[in-house]
Amino acid sequence: MSEKTKGVWAVKKTVDARGLSFPETWLLTSEALLDRHCLEVLAIVDNSNAIQEITNLIADLPYKATVEEKQGQYHINIQKHESVQGLRLASAEYGQTVLVISSTSLGKGEDHWGGQLMNSFIYSLMQLEGLLKTVVFINSGVFLATEGSDVLPYLQHMQESGVEIISSHTCLSYYQLLGKLRVGTMSNMFTITEKIAEAKRLIAF
């Protein structure tokens, strides 16, 4: 389904996630939200736990979610605010920012919640096209760039948009993940240090 909004065709997508696990549900839903022309996503689930999980993940994003129960199934309608399309920041350092991530969790507190916050954070960064020059993963942060990571679609999208993604070879080796890297490249600590030293703006978590 689509309609014309301000001269651009706006798409509404439906994700049928009945019978799927939550990670599979969120992966399909987030992939639909990645479409720049998609302003609305309807996720159909049969697991009530998915409602809370999805609403938690989008709570800090520019989306509005409503839930309707229909014959034991749940329709989660997610509306994307038009301003999220093509977001940019006015800054002399725009496009020269290096982000260093050293954990799978954002902030201090309960790990599961911190993981959800990290997912939302990386998704939000992906929306700010052109902001980042390089993303560096060290310590347990390397798990985010490896097989099974919930944020792989976001990182892959960022890489396709020109963002350099680097994971520490030493950390991948320590966590026995050398064969599981799925986005970006491996690098040594000397190169990572150079990237950090040359950054006009540095963000570290």
Protein backbone atom coordinates (compact mmCIF):
# COMPACT_ATOMS: atom_id res chain seq x y z
CA MET A 1 0.00 0.00 0.00
CA SER A 2 1.29 3.47 -0.82
CA GLU A 3 0.15 7.07 -0.97
CA LYS A 4 1.74 10.27 -2.18
CA THR A 5 3.08 12.55 0.57
CA LYS A 6 4.65 15.89 -0.38
CA GLY A 7 5.37 14.65 -3.88
CA VAL A 8 7.01 11.41 -2.69
CA TRP A 9 5.38 8.00 -2.66
CA ALA A 10 5.06 6.92 0.98
CA VAL A 11 4.80 3.18 1.51
CA LYS A 12 3.01 1.25 4.23
CA LYS A 13 4.50 -2.20 4.78
CA THR A 14 3.05 -5.22 6.55
CA VAL A 15 5.26 -7.68 8.43
CA ASP A 16 3.59 -11.01 9.16
CA ALA A 17 5.61 -12.29 12.13
CA ARG A 18 3.16 -14.88 13.42
CA GLY A 19 4.99 -17.94 14.69
CA LEU A 20 8.36 -16.19 14.69
CA SER A 21 10.69 -15.52 17.61
CA PHE A 22 11.14 -11.94 18.79
CA PRO A 23 14.63 -11.50 17.22
CA GLU A 24 13.19 -12.63 13.87
CA THR A 25 10.19 -10.32 14.33
CA TRP A 26 12.35 -7.30 15.12
CA LEU A 27 14.74 -8.04 12.24
CA LEU A 28 11.88 -8.06 9.71
CA THR A 29 10.26 -4.99 11.28
CA SER A 30 13.47 -2.97 11.38
CA GLU A 31 14.29 -3.93 7.78
CA ALA A 32 10.90 -2.54 6.74
CA LEU A 33 11.57 0.66 8.69
CA LEU A 34 14.90 1.07 6.88
CA ASP A 35 13.04 1.85 3.67
CA ARG A 36 13.20 5.64 3.32
CA HIS A 37 9.87 5.72 1.51
CA CYS A 38 8.16 3.69 4.21
CA LEU A 39 6.37 5.88 6.75
CA GLU A 40 4.29 3.17 8.38
CA VAL A 41 4.83 -0.49 9.29
CA LEU A 42 2.18 -2.93 10.49
CA ALA A 43 3.68 -5.87 12.41
CA ILE A 44 1.32 -8.78 13.04
CA VAL A 45 2.39 -11.02 15.93
CA ASP A 46 0.84 -13.79 18.00
CA ASN A 47 3.18 -13.38 20.97
CA SER A 48 2.16 -10.75 23.51
CA ASN A 49 5.77 -10.47 24.74
CA ALA A 50 6.76 -9.04 21.35
CA ILE A 51 4.53 -6.02 21.99
CA GLN A 52 6.52 -4.87 25.01
CA GLU A 53 9.85 -5.69 23.37
CA ILE A 54 9.07 -3.68 20.22
CA THR A 55 7.58 -0.71 22.06
CA ASN A 56 10.65 -0.62 24.34
CA LEU A 57 12.99 -0.61 21.35
CA ILE A 58 11.25 2.26 19.59
CA ALA A 59 10.50 4.30 22.72
CA ASP A 60 13.45 6.64 22.14
CA LEU A 61 13.04 6.76 18.36
CA PRO A 62 10.89 9.21 16.36
CA TYR A 63 8.10 6.65 15.94
CA LYS A 64 4.61 6.24 17.32
CA ALA A 65 3.24 2.75 17.98
CA THR A 66 -0.34 1.66 18.58
CA VAL A 67 -1.49 -1.88 19.36
CA GLU A 68 -4.78 -3.56 18.50
CA GLU A 69 -5.80 -7.11 19.39
CA LYS A 70 -7.71 -9.03 16.73
CA GLN A 71 -8.84 -12.60 17.42
CA GLY A 72 -5.85 -13.49 19.57
CA GLN A 73 -3.38 -11.76 17.29
CA TYR A 74 -1.75 -8.39 17.83
CA HIS A 75 -1.43 -5.67 15.22
CA ILE A 76 1.39 -3.25 16.06
CA ASN A 77 1.14 -0.19 13.86
CA ILE A 78 4.36 1.84 13.79
CA GLN A 79 4.25 5.31 12.26
CA LYS A 80 7.52 6.95 11.30
CA HIS A 81 7.67 10.71 11.65
CA GLU A 82 8.51 12.28 8.29
CA SER A 83 11.32 14.30 9.86
CA VAL A 84 13.29 11.08 10.39
CA GLN A 85 13.94 10.89 6.66
CA GLY A 86 17.24 12.42 5.65
CA LEU A 87 18.16 13.70 9.10
CA ARG A 88 21.34 15.76 9.14
CA LEU A 89 23.33 17.73 11.68
CA ALA A 90 24.75 21.21 11.12
CA SER A 91 28.36 20.92 12.27
CA ALA A 92 31.84 21.58 10.96
CA GLU A 93 32.74 18.05 12.11
CA TYR A 94 29.87 16.46 10.23
CA GLY A 95 31.13 13.35 8.49
CA GLN A 96 34.37 13.34 10.50
CA THR A 97 33.15 11.63 13.66
CA VAL A 98 34.72 8.40 14.92
CA LEU A 99 32.57 6.22 17.18
CA VAL A 100 34.24 3.70 19.51
CA ILE A 101 32.02 0.99 21.01
CA SER A 102 33.50 -1.29 23.66
CA SER A 103 30.39 -3.15 24.87
CA THR A 104 27.14 -4.67 23.65
CA SER A 105 25.28 -2.66 26.29
CA LEU A 106 24.71 1.10 26.46
CA GLY A 107 25.16 2.68 29.87
CA LYS A 108 25.30 1.03 33.27
CA GLY A 109 22.49 -1.11 34.61
CA GLU A 110 20.61 -4.25 33.62
CA ASP A 111 22.35 -5.91 30.65
CA HIS A 112 19.21 -6.83 28.72
CA TRP A 113 17.87 -3.29 28.86
CA GLY A 114 21.30 -1.88 28.06
CA GLY A 115 21.40 -4.12 24.98
CA GLN A 116 18.06 -2.77 23.80
CA LEU A 117 19.31 0.79 24.29
CA MET A 118 22.41 0.00 22.22
CA ASN A 119 20.24 -1.41 19.43
CA SER A 120 18.13 1.76 19.41
CA PHE A 121 21.24 3.94 19.53
CA ILE A 122 22.86 2.28 16.51
CA TYR A 123 19.57 2.38 14.62
CA SER A 124 19.28 6.12 15.34
CA LEU A 125 22.86 6.70 14.18
CA MET A 126 22.07 4.94 10.93
CA GLN A 127 19.31 7.49 10.31
CA LEU A 128 21.84 10.34 10.60
CA GLU A 129 23.45 9.74 7.23
CA GLY A 130 26.84 11.32 6.77
CA LEU A 131 27.51 11.87 10.47
CA LEU A 132 30.03 9.07 11.00
CA LYS A 133 33.34 8.48 9.31
CA THR A 134 34.36 5.35 11.21
CA VAL A 135 32.88 2.95 13.75
CA VAL A 136 35.40 1.01 15.84
CA PHE A 137 34.49 -2.06 17.88
CA ILE A 138 36.78 -3.16 20.70
CA ASN A 139 36.48 -5.49 23.70
CA SER A 140 33.01 -7.14 23.86
CA GLY A 141 31.70 -4.53 21.42
CA VAL A 142 33.01 -6.78 18.62
CA PHE A 143 30.01 -9.06 19.21
CA LEU A 144 27.84 -6.39 17.55
CA ALA A 145 29.61 -6.89 14.22
CA THR A 146 29.54 -10.67 14.26
CA GLU A 147 27.16 -13.48 13.38
CA GLY A 148 23.89 -13.37 15.32
CA SER A 149 24.01 -9.65 16.16
CA ASP A 150 20.63 -7.88 16.09
CA VAL A 151 22.22 -4.70 14.69
CA LEU A 152 23.92 -6.28 11.66
CA PRO A 153 21.32 -4.85 9.21
CA TYR A 154 21.95 -1.34 10.58
CA LEU A 155 25.72 -1.69 10.40
CA GLN A 156 25.56 -3.14 6.90
CA HIS A 157 23.39 -0.22 5.81
CA MET A 158 25.88 2.22 7.34
CA GLN A 159 28.77 0.50 5.58
CA GLU A 160 26.95 0.68 2.25
CA SER A 161 26.49 4.41 2.90
CA GLY A 162 30.25 4.89 3.20
CA VAL A 163 30.92 4.43 6.92
CA GLU A 164 34.14 2.55 7.69
CA ILE A 165 33.56 -0.24 10.21
CA ILE A 166 36.53 -1.76 12.03
CA SER A 167 36.74 -4.50 14.66
CA SER A 168 39.80 -5.24 16.76
CA HIS A 169 41.55 -8.41 15.58
CA THR A 170 42.87 -9.02 19.10
CA CYS A 171 39.40 -8.78 20.64
CA LEU A 172 37.82 -11.00 17.98
CA SER A 173 40.53 -13.56 18.69
CA TYR A 174 40.07 -13.34 22.46
CA TYR A 175 36.32 -13.97 22.17
CA GLN A 176 36.89 -16.71 19.54
CA LEU A 177 35.00 -14.75 16.87
CA LEU A 178 37.61 -14.57 14.11
CA GLY A 179 35.48 -16.58 11.70
CA LYS A 180 32.21 -14.87 12.58
CA LEU A 181 32.78 -11.25 11.54
CA ARG A 182 29.87 -10.29 9.25
CA VAL A 183 30.38 -6.58 8.60
CA GLY A 184 33.44 -4.38 8.23
CA THR A 185 37.08 -5.40 8.53
CA MET A 186 39.54 -6.52 11.20
CA SER A 187 42.41 -4.28 12.20
CA ASN A 188 45.24 -4.06 14.72
CA MET A 189 45.41 -1.69 17.67
CA PHE A 190 47.96 0.57 15.98
CA THR A 191 45.56 1.34 13.12
CA ILE A 192 42.67 1.78 15.55
CA THR A 193 44.76 4.22 17.60
CA GLU A 194 45.54 6.18 14.42
CA LYS A 195 41.83 6.42 13.55
CA ILE A 196 41.05 7.73 17.04
CA ALA A 197 43.94 10.21 17.04
CA GLU A 198 42.95 11.63 13.64
CA ALA A 199 39.27 12.05 14.53
CA LYS A 200 37.90 15.59 14.52
CA ARG A 201 35.16 14.39 16.85
CA LEU A 202 35.29 11.26 19.01
CA ILE A 203 32.38 9.46 20.68
CA ALA A 204 33.19 6.51 22.93
CA PHE A 205 30.99 4.04 24.81
